[in-house]
Amino acid sequence: MDRARHLAEGAALMAEVEQKLTVCGGNWETLVNLTGEKLMFNNMTWLGPIKFTPEEQEFAKEIQKSLGLEPKGLDETIQPWAAPKPDPEGGSTDVGDVSWQVPTLSFNVTTAPLDTPWHAWPVVACGGMSIGHKGLIYAAQILATTMVDLYENPKYIQAMKEEFEQKRKGVVYKPFVPEGPPVIIKK
């Protein structure tokens, strides 16, 4: 946000005009809970990777070919666990805001071919068939096994809460979206 303000100020100075920066929406960066993420990753490795049929792999490769991509198919591996990068790559999610209110966990599973664009037809095509269904079931299994761990071992919950409080220390969450009903501007 500070960078955006500086850019607006600099552009206004160059153009010799006044500027006003108005935030219409926004999201906080996700506050990652490493304790919970590691617990989920352990369940993912315990479950093992998703296995796709030769027909599902061929379907994925045909989608990739239609997009001009290398036909690699579907990823059947579990990526090694790694702490998140300090400055993660693009995207936005309101889950970031939630993560400053309560410890929040996230993970990814294969539901579409490698390198295909998200929020586009290839994901929809795979979501309505066995590829998406396998990803859905696998994600549910990861969530269920993690919930069993949390239920059976309250020490995990305590450790997640402690990490959460330590990371939030001194930070007051204030959403970028202003309170109250949306304001409609008529022109």
N, C-alpha and C. Protein backbone atom coordinates (compact mmCIF):
# COMPACT_ATOMS: atom_id res chain seq x y z
N MET A 1 0.82 -1.19 0.00
CA MET A 1 0.00 0.00 0.00
C MET A 1 0.87 1.26 0.00
N ASP A 2 1.94 1.22 0.82
CA ASP A 2 2.84 2.37 0.84
C ASP A 2 3.46 2.59 -0.53
N ARG A 3 3.83 1.50 -1.19
CA ARG A 3 4.43 1.61 -2.52
C ARG A 3 3.43 2.22 -3.51
N ALA A 4 2.18 1.80 -3.44
CA ALA A 4 1.16 2.35 -4.34
C ALA A 4 0.99 3.85 -4.10
N ARG A 5 1.03 4.26 -2.83
CA ARG A 5 0.92 5.70 -2.53
C ARG A 5 2.09 6.48 -3.12
N HIS A 6 3.30 5.93 -2.95
CA HIS A 6 4.49 6.60 -3.48
C HIS A 6 4.43 6.70 -5.01
N LEU A 7 3.96 5.62 -5.66
CA LEU A 7 3.84 5.64 -7.12
C LEU A 7 2.84 6.70 -7.56
N ALA A 8 1.71 6.79 -6.86
CA ALA A 8 0.71 7.79 -7.22
C ALA A 8 1.25 9.20 -7.01
N GLU A 9 1.95 9.42 -5.92
CA GLU A 9 2.54 10.74 -5.65
C GLU A 9 3.57 11.11 -6.71
N GLY A 10 4.42 10.12 -7.05
CA GLY A 10 5.45 10.37 -8.07
C GLY A 10 4.86 10.67 -9.43
N ALA A 11 3.84 9.92 -9.82
CA ALA A 11 3.20 10.16 -11.11
C ALA A 11 2.53 11.52 -11.14
N ALA A 12 1.90 11.89 -10.01
CA ALA A 12 1.25 13.20 -9.95
C ALA A 12 2.28 14.32 -10.04
N LEU A 13 3.43 14.17 -9.40
CA LEU A 13 4.48 15.18 -9.48
C LEU A 13 4.97 15.33 -10.92
N MET A 14 5.18 14.20 -11.60
CA MET A 14 5.67 14.25 -12.97
C MET A 14 4.66 14.91 -13.90
N ALA A 15 3.39 14.66 -13.68
CA ALA A 15 2.34 15.21 -14.55
C ALA A 15 1.87 16.58 -14.09
N GLU A 16 2.40 17.04 -12.96
CA GLU A 16 2.02 18.33 -12.38
C GLU A 16 0.51 18.41 -12.16
N VAL A 17 -0.02 17.36 -11.55
CA VAL A 17 -1.45 17.32 -11.21
C VAL A 17 -1.59 16.88 -9.76
N GLU A 18 -2.80 16.99 -9.24
CA GLU A 18 -3.08 16.48 -7.90
C GLU A 18 -3.50 15.03 -8.03
N GLN A 19 -3.29 14.27 -6.98
CA GLN A 19 -3.69 12.87 -7.00
C GLN A 19 -4.43 12.53 -5.72
N LYS A 20 -5.27 11.53 -5.83
CA LYS A 20 -5.97 10.99 -4.67
C LYS A 20 -6.04 9.49 -4.85
N LEU A 21 -5.56 8.75 -3.88
CA LEU A 21 -5.59 7.29 -3.93
C LEU A 21 -6.75 6.81 -3.07
N THR A 22 -7.65 6.06 -3.67
CA THR A 22 -8.81 5.53 -2.96
C THR A 22 -8.76 4.01 -3.01
N VAL A 23 -8.81 3.38 -1.85
CA VAL A 23 -8.82 1.92 -1.79
C VAL A 23 -10.26 1.46 -1.87
N CYS A 24 -10.56 0.68 -2.89
CA CYS A 24 -11.91 0.15 -3.07
C CYS A 24 -12.03 -1.26 -2.53
N GLY A 25 -10.95 -1.90 -2.29
CA GLY A 25 -10.94 -3.26 -1.78
C GLY A 25 -9.51 -3.68 -1.59
N GLY A 26 -9.31 -4.84 -1.05
CA GLY A 26 -7.95 -5.31 -0.86
C GLY A 26 -7.92 -6.50 0.07
N ASN A 27 -6.79 -7.13 0.13
CA ASN A 27 -6.62 -8.31 0.96
C ASN A 27 -5.29 -8.23 1.69
N TRP A 28 -5.28 -8.73 2.89
CA TRP A 28 -4.03 -8.87 3.63
C TRP A 28 -3.30 -10.10 3.11
N GLU A 29 -1.97 -10.07 3.24
CA GLU A 29 -1.18 -11.27 2.92
C GLU A 29 -1.59 -12.39 3.87
N THR A 30 -1.51 -13.61 3.42
CA THR A 30 -1.87 -14.75 4.26
C THR A 30 -0.83 -14.95 5.35
N LEU A 31 -1.31 -15.10 6.57
CA LEU A 31 -0.46 -15.39 7.72
C LEU A 31 -0.36 -16.91 7.81
N VAL A 32 0.75 -17.45 7.36
CA VAL A 32 0.92 -18.90 7.27
C VAL A 32 1.20 -19.49 8.65
N ASN A 33 0.51 -20.58 8.96
CA ASN A 33 0.73 -21.29 10.22
C ASN A 33 1.54 -22.55 9.89
N LEU A 34 2.86 -22.45 10.10
CA LEU A 34 3.75 -23.56 9.72
C LEU A 34 3.48 -24.83 10.50
N THR A 35 3.08 -24.70 11.76
CA THR A 35 2.78 -25.88 12.58
C THR A 35 1.66 -26.68 11.94
N GLY A 36 0.58 -26.01 11.57
CA GLY A 36 -0.54 -26.69 10.93
C GLY A 36 -0.22 -27.18 9.54
N GLU A 37 0.55 -26.39 8.80
CA GLU A 37 0.93 -26.79 7.44
C GLU A 37 1.74 -28.09 7.46
N LYS A 38 2.66 -28.19 8.41
CA LYS A 38 3.48 -29.41 8.52
C LYS A 38 2.61 -30.62 8.89
N LEU A 39 1.66 -30.41 9.77
CA LEU A 39 0.75 -31.49 10.16
C LEU A 39 -0.04 -31.98 8.94
N MET A 40 -0.56 -31.05 8.15
CA MET A 40 -1.30 -31.42 6.95
C MET A 40 -0.40 -32.11 5.93
N PHE A 41 0.82 -31.61 5.78
CA PHE A 41 1.75 -32.23 4.84
C PHE A 41 2.06 -33.67 5.25
N ASN A 42 2.22 -33.91 6.54
CA ASN A 42 2.45 -35.28 7.01
C ASN A 42 1.29 -36.20 6.64
N ASN A 43 0.07 -35.69 6.72
CA ASN A 43 -1.08 -36.49 6.33
C ASN A 43 -1.11 -36.72 4.83
N MET A 44 -0.70 -35.72 4.08
CA MET A 44 -0.65 -35.86 2.63
C MET A 44 0.34 -36.96 2.24
N THR A 45 1.51 -36.96 2.86
CA THR A 45 2.50 -37.99 2.53
C THR A 45 2.05 -39.37 3.04
N TRP A 46 1.35 -39.39 4.16
CA TRP A 46 0.83 -40.66 4.67
C TRP A 46 -0.21 -41.24 3.70
N LEU A 47 -1.06 -40.38 3.14
CA LEU A 47 -2.07 -40.83 2.18
C LEU A 47 -1.44 -41.23 0.85
N GLY A 48 -0.33 -40.61 0.51
CA GLY A 48 0.29 -40.87 -0.79
C GLY A 48 -0.35 -40.01 -1.86
N PRO A 49 0.26 -39.94 -3.04
CA PRO A 49 -0.24 -39.06 -4.10
C PRO A 49 -1.49 -39.60 -4.78
N ILE A 50 -2.18 -38.72 -5.48
CA ILE A 50 -3.32 -39.12 -6.32
C ILE A 50 -2.78 -39.92 -7.49
N LYS A 51 -3.48 -40.96 -7.87
CA LYS A 51 -3.12 -41.74 -9.06
C LYS A 51 -4.19 -41.54 -10.11
N PHE A 52 -3.76 -41.15 -11.31
CA PHE A 52 -4.68 -40.93 -12.41
C PHE A 52 -4.56 -42.07 -13.42
N THR A 53 -5.66 -42.36 -14.10
CA THR A 53 -5.67 -43.43 -15.10
C THR A 53 -4.98 -42.96 -16.37
N PRO A 54 -4.58 -43.89 -17.23
CA PRO A 54 -4.01 -43.49 -18.53
C PRO A 54 -4.99 -42.62 -19.33
N GLU A 55 -6.28 -42.89 -19.23
CA GLU A 55 -7.27 -42.09 -19.96
C GLU A 55 -7.33 -40.66 -19.41
N GLU A 56 -7.24 -40.50 -18.10
CA GLU A 56 -7.23 -39.16 -17.50
C GLU A 56 -5.98 -38.40 -17.91
N GLN A 57 -4.85 -39.09 -17.93
CA GLN A 57 -3.60 -38.46 -18.36
C GLN A 57 -3.69 -38.02 -19.82
N GLU A 58 -4.28 -38.85 -20.66
CA GLU A 58 -4.42 -38.52 -22.08
C GLU A 58 -5.35 -37.31 -22.26
N PHE A 59 -6.43 -37.27 -21.52
CA PHE A 59 -7.35 -36.14 -21.57
C PHE A 59 -6.60 -34.85 -21.21
N ALA A 60 -5.80 -34.92 -20.15
CA ALA A 60 -5.03 -33.74 -19.71
C ALA A 60 -4.04 -33.31 -20.78
N LYS A 61 -3.38 -34.27 -21.40
CA LYS A 61 -2.41 -33.94 -22.44
C LYS A 61 -3.08 -33.30 -23.66
N GLU A 62 -4.27 -33.74 -23.99
CA GLU A 62 -5.01 -33.14 -25.12
C GLU A 62 -5.37 -31.69 -24.81
N ILE A 63 -5.74 -31.42 -23.57
CA ILE A 63 -6.01 -30.04 -23.17
C ILE A 63 -4.75 -29.20 -23.31
N GLN A 64 -3.63 -29.73 -22.82
CA GLN A 64 -2.37 -28.99 -22.92
C GLN A 64 -2.02 -28.72 -24.38
N LYS A 65 -2.16 -29.72 -25.24
CA LYS A 65 -1.85 -29.53 -26.66
C LYS A 65 -2.73 -28.43 -27.26
N SER A 66 -4.02 -28.42 -26.90
CA SER A 66 -4.94 -27.42 -27.46
C SER A 66 -4.56 -26.01 -27.05
N LEU A 67 -3.80 -25.88 -25.97
CA LEU A 67 -3.35 -24.57 -25.49
C LEU A 67 -1.93 -24.23 -25.96
N GLY A 68 -1.35 -25.14 -26.74
CA GLY A 68 0.01 -24.92 -27.21
C GLY A 68 1.05 -25.19 -26.14
N LEU A 69 0.68 -25.98 -25.13
CA LEU A 69 1.60 -26.33 -24.05
C LEU A 69 2.21 -27.70 -24.29
N GLU A 70 3.33 -27.94 -23.66
CA GLU A 70 3.94 -29.27 -23.70
C GLU A 70 2.98 -30.25 -23.02
N PRO A 71 2.68 -31.38 -23.66
CA PRO A 71 1.74 -32.34 -23.09
C PRO A 71 2.37 -33.18 -21.97
N LYS A 72 2.38 -32.61 -20.77
CA LYS A 72 2.97 -33.28 -19.60
C LYS A 72 1.94 -34.10 -18.83
N GLY A 73 0.66 -33.79 -18.98
CA GLY A 73 -0.37 -34.50 -18.25
C GLY A 73 -0.60 -33.93 -16.87
N LEU A 74 -0.99 -34.80 -15.97
CA LEU A 74 -1.34 -34.43 -14.60
C LEU A 74 -0.20 -34.76 -13.65
N ASP A 75 0.02 -33.92 -12.68
CA ASP A 75 1.08 -34.12 -11.69
C ASP A 75 0.59 -35.12 -10.63
N GLU A 76 1.28 -36.22 -10.52
CA GLU A 76 0.93 -37.25 -9.53
C GLU A 76 1.92 -37.28 -8.37
N THR A 77 2.65 -36.21 -8.17
CA THR A 77 3.65 -36.20 -7.11
C THR A 77 3.20 -35.33 -5.93
N ILE A 78 3.79 -35.59 -4.80
CA ILE A 78 3.64 -34.70 -3.65
C ILE A 78 4.92 -33.89 -3.61
N GLN A 79 4.78 -32.58 -3.74
CA GLN A 79 5.96 -31.71 -3.73
C GLN A 79 6.57 -31.70 -2.34
N PRO A 80 7.89 -31.62 -2.23
CA PRO A 80 8.53 -31.57 -0.92
C PRO A 80 8.02 -30.37 -0.11
N TRP A 81 7.91 -30.55 1.18
CA TRP A 81 7.46 -29.46 2.04
C TRP A 81 8.53 -28.40 2.08
N ALA A 82 8.11 -27.16 1.96
CA ALA A 82 9.03 -26.03 2.08
C ALA A 82 8.27 -24.87 2.68
N ALA A 83 8.94 -24.11 3.52
CA ALA A 83 8.32 -22.91 4.09
C ALA A 83 8.01 -21.95 2.95
N PRO A 84 6.95 -21.17 3.07
CA PRO A 84 6.60 -20.24 2.01
C PRO A 84 7.67 -19.18 1.80
N LYS A 85 7.75 -18.70 0.57
CA LYS A 85 8.70 -17.64 0.23
C LYS A 85 8.28 -16.35 0.94
N PRO A 86 9.24 -15.51 1.32
CA PRO A 86 8.89 -14.26 1.99
C PRO A 86 7.98 -13.36 1.14
N ASP A 87 8.16 -13.40 -0.17
CA ASP A 87 7.33 -12.60 -1.07
C ASP A 87 6.70 -13.55 -2.08
N PRO A 88 5.56 -14.17 -1.72
CA PRO A 88 4.98 -15.18 -2.61
C PRO A 88 4.56 -14.59 -3.95
N GLU A 89 4.50 -15.47 -4.96
CA GLU A 89 4.10 -15.05 -6.30
C GLU A 89 2.63 -14.65 -6.30
N GLY A 90 2.24 -13.83 -7.23
CA GLY A 90 0.92 -13.25 -7.46
C GLY A 90 -0.30 -13.92 -6.87
N GLY A 91 -1.43 -13.37 -7.23
CA GLY A 91 -2.70 -13.87 -6.76
C GLY A 91 -3.17 -13.11 -5.53
N SER A 92 -4.44 -13.25 -5.23
CA SER A 92 -4.99 -12.64 -4.04
C SER A 92 -6.10 -13.52 -3.52
N THR A 93 -6.36 -13.42 -2.24
CA THR A 93 -7.43 -14.21 -1.65
C THR A 93 -7.90 -13.55 -0.36
N ASP A 94 -9.19 -13.59 -0.13
CA ASP A 94 -9.69 -13.06 1.13
C ASP A 94 -9.39 -14.00 2.29
N VAL A 95 -8.84 -15.18 2.00
CA VAL A 95 -8.40 -16.06 3.06
C VAL A 95 -7.26 -15.39 3.85
N GLY A 96 -6.49 -14.52 3.18
CA GLY A 96 -5.46 -13.77 3.89
C GLY A 96 -6.06 -13.00 5.05
N ASP A 97 -7.19 -12.36 4.84
CA ASP A 97 -7.85 -11.62 5.92
C ASP A 97 -8.30 -12.57 7.03
N VAL A 98 -8.85 -13.71 6.66
CA VAL A 98 -9.28 -14.70 7.66
C VAL A 98 -8.10 -15.17 8.49
N SER A 99 -6.94 -15.35 7.84
CA SER A 99 -5.76 -15.90 8.53
C SER A 99 -5.22 -14.98 9.62
N TRP A 100 -5.65 -13.71 9.64
CA TRP A 100 -5.24 -12.80 10.71
C TRP A 100 -6.22 -12.83 11.87
N GLN A 101 -7.31 -13.60 11.71
CA GLN A 101 -8.32 -13.73 12.76
C GLN A 101 -8.24 -15.07 13.47
N VAL A 102 -7.81 -16.09 12.76
CA VAL A 102 -7.78 -17.46 13.29
C VAL A 102 -6.70 -18.23 12.53
N PRO A 103 -6.00 -19.17 13.18
CA PRO A 103 -5.01 -19.96 12.44
C PRO A 103 -5.67 -20.63 11.22
N THR A 104 -5.04 -20.49 10.08
CA THR A 104 -5.61 -20.93 8.81
C THR A 104 -4.60 -21.80 8.08
N LEU A 105 -5.09 -22.90 7.51
CA LEU A 105 -4.23 -23.83 6.78
C LEU A 105 -4.67 -23.91 5.33
N SER A 106 -3.72 -24.15 4.44
CA SER A 106 -4.06 -24.33 3.03
C SER A 106 -3.10 -25.31 2.39
N PHE A 107 -3.56 -25.89 1.29
CA PHE A 107 -2.73 -26.83 0.53
C PHE A 107 -3.26 -26.88 -0.88
N ASN A 108 -2.50 -27.48 -1.77
CA ASN A 108 -2.91 -27.63 -3.17
C ASN A 108 -2.94 -29.09 -3.54
N VAL A 109 -3.92 -29.46 -4.35
CA VAL A 109 -3.97 -30.80 -4.92
C VAL A 109 -4.19 -30.67 -6.42
N THR A 110 -3.84 -31.69 -7.15
CA THR A 110 -3.99 -31.68 -8.60
C THR A 110 -5.45 -31.85 -8.98
N THR A 111 -5.97 -30.90 -9.73
CA THR A 111 -7.33 -30.99 -10.27
C THR A 111 -7.38 -30.58 -11.74
N ALA A 112 -6.22 -30.27 -12.30
CA ALA A 112 -6.15 -29.85 -13.71
C ALA A 112 -4.73 -30.12 -14.22
N PRO A 113 -4.54 -30.12 -15.55
CA PRO A 113 -3.23 -30.38 -16.13
C PRO A 113 -2.19 -29.32 -15.74
N LEU A 114 -0.95 -29.75 -15.71
CA LEU A 114 0.17 -28.84 -15.42
C LEU A 114 0.18 -27.65 -16.37
N ASP A 115 0.51 -26.49 -15.82
CA ASP A 115 0.73 -25.26 -16.59
C ASP A 115 -0.52 -24.68 -17.25
N THR A 116 -1.70 -25.24 -17.01
CA THR A 116 -2.90 -24.66 -17.62
C THR A 116 -3.36 -23.46 -16.78
N PRO A 117 -3.99 -22.49 -17.42
CA PRO A 117 -4.40 -21.29 -16.68
C PRO A 117 -5.58 -21.57 -15.74
N TRP A 118 -5.50 -21.01 -14.54
CA TRP A 118 -6.59 -21.14 -13.58
C TRP A 118 -7.69 -20.18 -13.96
N HIS A 119 -8.86 -20.37 -13.43
CA HIS A 119 -10.03 -19.52 -13.73
C HIS A 119 -10.30 -19.52 -15.23
N ALA A 120 -10.12 -20.68 -15.85
CA ALA A 120 -10.32 -20.80 -17.29
C ALA A 120 -10.92 -22.17 -17.61
N TRP A 121 -11.30 -22.36 -18.85
CA TRP A 121 -12.01 -23.57 -19.26
C TRP A 121 -11.28 -24.88 -18.96
N PRO A 122 -9.92 -24.97 -19.02
CA PRO A 122 -9.29 -26.27 -18.74
C PRO A 122 -9.59 -26.78 -17.32
N VAL A 123 -9.64 -25.88 -16.37
CA VAL A 123 -9.94 -26.27 -14.99
C VAL A 123 -11.40 -26.71 -14.88
N VAL A 124 -12.27 -25.99 -15.55
CA VAL A 124 -13.69 -26.35 -15.54
C VAL A 124 -13.89 -27.73 -16.17
N ALA A 125 -13.23 -27.96 -17.31
CA ALA A 125 -13.36 -29.24 -18.00
C ALA A 125 -12.93 -30.40 -17.12
N CYS A 126 -11.86 -30.22 -16.37
CA CYS A 126 -11.37 -31.30 -15.49
C CYS A 126 -12.19 -31.40 -14.21
N GLY A 127 -12.74 -30.27 -13.76
CA GLY A 127 -13.52 -30.26 -12.52
C GLY A 127 -14.81 -31.04 -12.63
N GLY A 128 -15.36 -31.15 -13.83
CA GLY A 128 -16.62 -31.85 -14.02
C GLY A 128 -16.47 -33.32 -14.34
N MET A 129 -15.29 -33.86 -14.17
CA MET A 129 -15.06 -35.28 -14.48
C MET A 129 -14.22 -35.92 -13.39
N SER A 130 -13.74 -37.11 -13.64
CA SER A 130 -13.02 -37.88 -12.62
C SER A 130 -11.75 -37.19 -12.11
N ILE A 131 -11.09 -36.39 -12.94
CA ILE A 131 -9.87 -35.69 -12.49
C ILE A 131 -10.21 -34.76 -11.33
N GLY A 132 -11.20 -33.92 -11.51
CA GLY A 132 -11.61 -33.01 -10.45
C GLY A 132 -12.17 -33.74 -9.25
N HIS A 133 -12.91 -34.81 -9.51
CA HIS A 133 -13.50 -35.58 -8.41
C HIS A 133 -12.41 -36.23 -7.55
N LYS A 134 -11.37 -36.75 -8.19
CA LYS A 134 -10.26 -37.35 -7.42
C LYS A 134 -9.57 -36.29 -6.57
N GLY A 135 -9.37 -35.09 -7.14
CA GLY A 135 -8.77 -34.01 -6.36
C GLY A 135 -9.64 -33.64 -5.18
N LEU A 136 -10.95 -33.58 -5.39
CA LEU A 136 -11.90 -33.24 -4.33
C LEU A 136 -11.84 -34.27 -3.20
N ILE A 137 -11.89 -35.54 -3.55
CA ILE A 137 -11.85 -36.61 -2.54
C ILE A 137 -10.51 -36.59 -1.79
N TYR A 138 -9.44 -36.40 -2.52
CA TYR A 138 -8.10 -36.35 -1.90
C TYR A 138 -8.02 -35.19 -0.91
N ALA A 139 -8.49 -34.01 -1.32
CA ALA A 139 -8.48 -32.86 -0.43
C ALA A 139 -9.32 -33.13 0.82
N ALA A 140 -10.48 -33.77 0.65
CA ALA A 140 -11.32 -34.11 1.80
C ALA A 140 -10.60 -35.08 2.74
N GLN A 141 -9.86 -36.01 2.18
CA GLN A 141 -9.11 -36.96 3.01
C GLN A 141 -8.01 -36.25 3.81
N ILE A 142 -7.34 -35.30 3.18
CA ILE A 142 -6.30 -34.54 3.88
C ILE A 142 -6.92 -33.75 5.02
N LEU A 143 -8.03 -33.09 4.75
CA LEU A 143 -8.72 -32.32 5.79
C LEU A 143 -9.20 -33.22 6.92
N ALA A 144 -9.79 -34.36 6.56
CA ALA A 144 -10.32 -35.28 7.58
C ALA A 144 -9.22 -35.84 8.48
N THR A 145 -8.12 -36.29 7.88
CA THR A 145 -7.04 -36.86 8.70
C THR A 145 -6.41 -35.79 9.59
N THR A 146 -6.34 -34.56 9.08
CA THR A 146 -5.80 -33.47 9.89
C THR A 146 -6.74 -33.15 11.05
N MET A 147 -8.04 -33.15 10.80
CA MET A 147 -9.01 -32.90 11.87
C MET A 147 -8.94 -33.99 12.94
N VAL A 148 -8.73 -35.24 12.52
CA VAL A 148 -8.58 -36.33 13.50
C VAL A 148 -7.35 -36.07 14.37
N ASP A 149 -6.25 -35.67 13.75
CA ASP A 149 -5.04 -35.35 14.52
C ASP A 149 -5.31 -34.24 15.52
N LEU A 150 -5.99 -33.19 15.09
CA LEU A 150 -6.27 -32.05 15.98
C LEU A 150 -7.20 -32.47 17.11
N TYR A 151 -8.16 -33.32 16.81
CA TYR A 151 -9.11 -33.79 17.83
C TYR A 151 -8.41 -34.71 18.85
N GLU A 152 -7.58 -35.61 18.35
CA GLU A 152 -6.93 -36.59 19.23
C GLU A 152 -5.73 -36.02 19.96
N ASN A 153 -5.12 -34.95 19.44
CA ASN A 153 -3.91 -34.39 20.04
C ASN A 153 -4.05 -32.87 20.22
N PRO A 154 -4.68 -32.44 21.31
CA PRO A 154 -4.87 -31.01 21.54
C PRO A 154 -3.56 -30.22 21.57
N LYS A 155 -2.43 -30.92 21.75
CA LYS A 155 -1.14 -30.22 21.74
C LYS A 155 -0.89 -29.54 20.39
N TYR A 156 -1.42 -30.13 19.31
CA TYR A 156 -1.27 -29.51 17.99
C TYR A 156 -2.03 -28.19 17.93
N ILE A 157 -3.23 -28.19 18.48
CA ILE A 157 -4.04 -26.96 18.49
C ILE A 157 -3.32 -25.89 19.31
N GLN A 158 -2.80 -26.28 20.46
CA GLN A 158 -2.10 -25.32 21.31
C GLN A 158 -0.87 -24.75 20.59
N ALA A 159 -0.11 -25.61 19.92
CA ALA A 159 1.09 -25.15 19.19
C ALA A 159 0.70 -24.21 18.05
N MET A 160 -0.40 -24.51 17.36
CA MET A 160 -0.86 -23.64 16.28
C MET A 160 -1.29 -22.29 16.83
N LYS A 161 -2.00 -22.30 17.96
CA LYS A 161 -2.43 -21.04 18.58
C LYS A 161 -1.24 -20.21 19.03
N GLU A 162 -0.24 -20.86 19.61
CA GLU A 162 0.95 -20.14 20.07
C GLU A 162 1.68 -19.49 18.90
N GLU A 163 1.86 -20.24 17.81
CA GLU A 163 2.52 -19.68 16.63
C GLU A 163 1.71 -18.50 16.07
N PHE A 164 0.40 -18.67 16.02
CA PHE A 164 -0.50 -17.63 15.52
C PHE A 164 -0.35 -16.35 16.34
N GLU A 165 -0.40 -16.47 17.66
CA GLU A 165 -0.29 -15.29 18.53
C GLU A 165 1.08 -14.64 18.42
N GLN A 166 2.13 -15.45 18.29
CA GLN A 166 3.48 -14.91 18.15
C GLN A 166 3.62 -14.11 16.86
N LYS A 167 3.08 -14.63 15.77
CA LYS A 167 3.20 -13.94 14.48
C LYS A 167 2.34 -12.68 14.42
N ARG A 168 1.23 -12.66 15.16
CA ARG A 168 0.34 -11.48 15.16
C ARG A 168 0.78 -10.43 16.17
N LYS A 169 1.72 -10.77 17.00
CA LYS A 169 2.14 -9.87 18.08
C LYS A 169 2.44 -8.47 17.54
N GLY A 170 1.76 -7.49 18.11
CA GLY A 170 2.00 -6.10 17.73
C GLY A 170 1.28 -5.65 16.46
N VAL A 171 0.57 -6.55 15.79
CA VAL A 171 -0.13 -6.19 14.57
C VAL A 171 -1.63 -6.12 14.86
N VAL A 172 -2.24 -5.04 14.50
CA VAL A 172 -3.69 -4.90 14.65
C VAL A 172 -4.31 -5.06 13.27
N TYR A 173 -5.11 -6.08 13.10
CA TYR A 173 -5.76 -6.31 11.81
C TYR A 173 -6.84 -5.25 11.60
N LYS A 174 -6.77 -4.60 10.46
CA LYS A 174 -7.81 -3.65 10.06
C LYS A 174 -8.04 -3.90 8.57
N PRO A 175 -9.24 -4.30 8.21
CA PRO A 175 -9.49 -4.60 6.80
C PRO A 175 -9.36 -3.36 5.92
N PHE A 176 -8.95 -3.58 4.68
CA PHE A 176 -8.84 -2.48 3.72
C PHE A 176 -10.21 -1.99 3.29
N VAL A 177 -11.19 -2.89 3.29
CA VAL A 177 -12.54 -2.52 2.88
C VAL A 177 -13.18 -1.74 4.03
N PRO A 178 -13.69 -0.55 3.76
CA PRO A 178 -14.27 0.24 4.84
C PRO A 178 -15.53 -0.40 5.42
N GLU A 179 -15.82 -0.06 6.69
CA GLU A 179 -17.02 -0.58 7.33
C GLU A 179 -18.26 0.06 6.70
N GLY A 180 -19.38 -0.62 6.86
CA GLY A 180 -20.64 -0.08 6.40
C GLY A 180 -21.04 -0.59 5.04
N PRO A 181 -22.21 -0.17 4.58
CA PRO A 181 -22.70 -0.65 3.28
C PRO A 181 -21.87 -0.05 2.15
N PRO A 182 -21.86 -0.71 1.00
CA PRO A 182 -21.12 -0.16 -0.14
C PRO A 182 -21.72 1.17 -0.58
N VAL A 183 -20.86 2.04 -1.04
CA VAL A 183 -21.29 3.34 -1.53
C VAL A 183 -21.37 3.29 -3.04
N ILE A 184 -22.52 3.66 -3.58
CA ILE A 184 -22.69 3.66 -5.03
C ILE A 184 -22.48 5.09 -5.53
N ILE A 185 -21.55 5.23 -6.45
CA ILE A 185 -21.25 6.54 -7.01
C ILE A 185 -21.96 6.65 -8.35
N LYS A 186 -22.85 7.64 -8.45
CA LYS A 186 -23.58 7.86 -9.71
C LYS A 186 -22.89 8.97 -10.49
N LYS A 187 -22.74 8.76 -11.76
CA LYS A 187 -22.09 9.76 -12.62
C LYS A 187 -23.13 10.49 -13.43
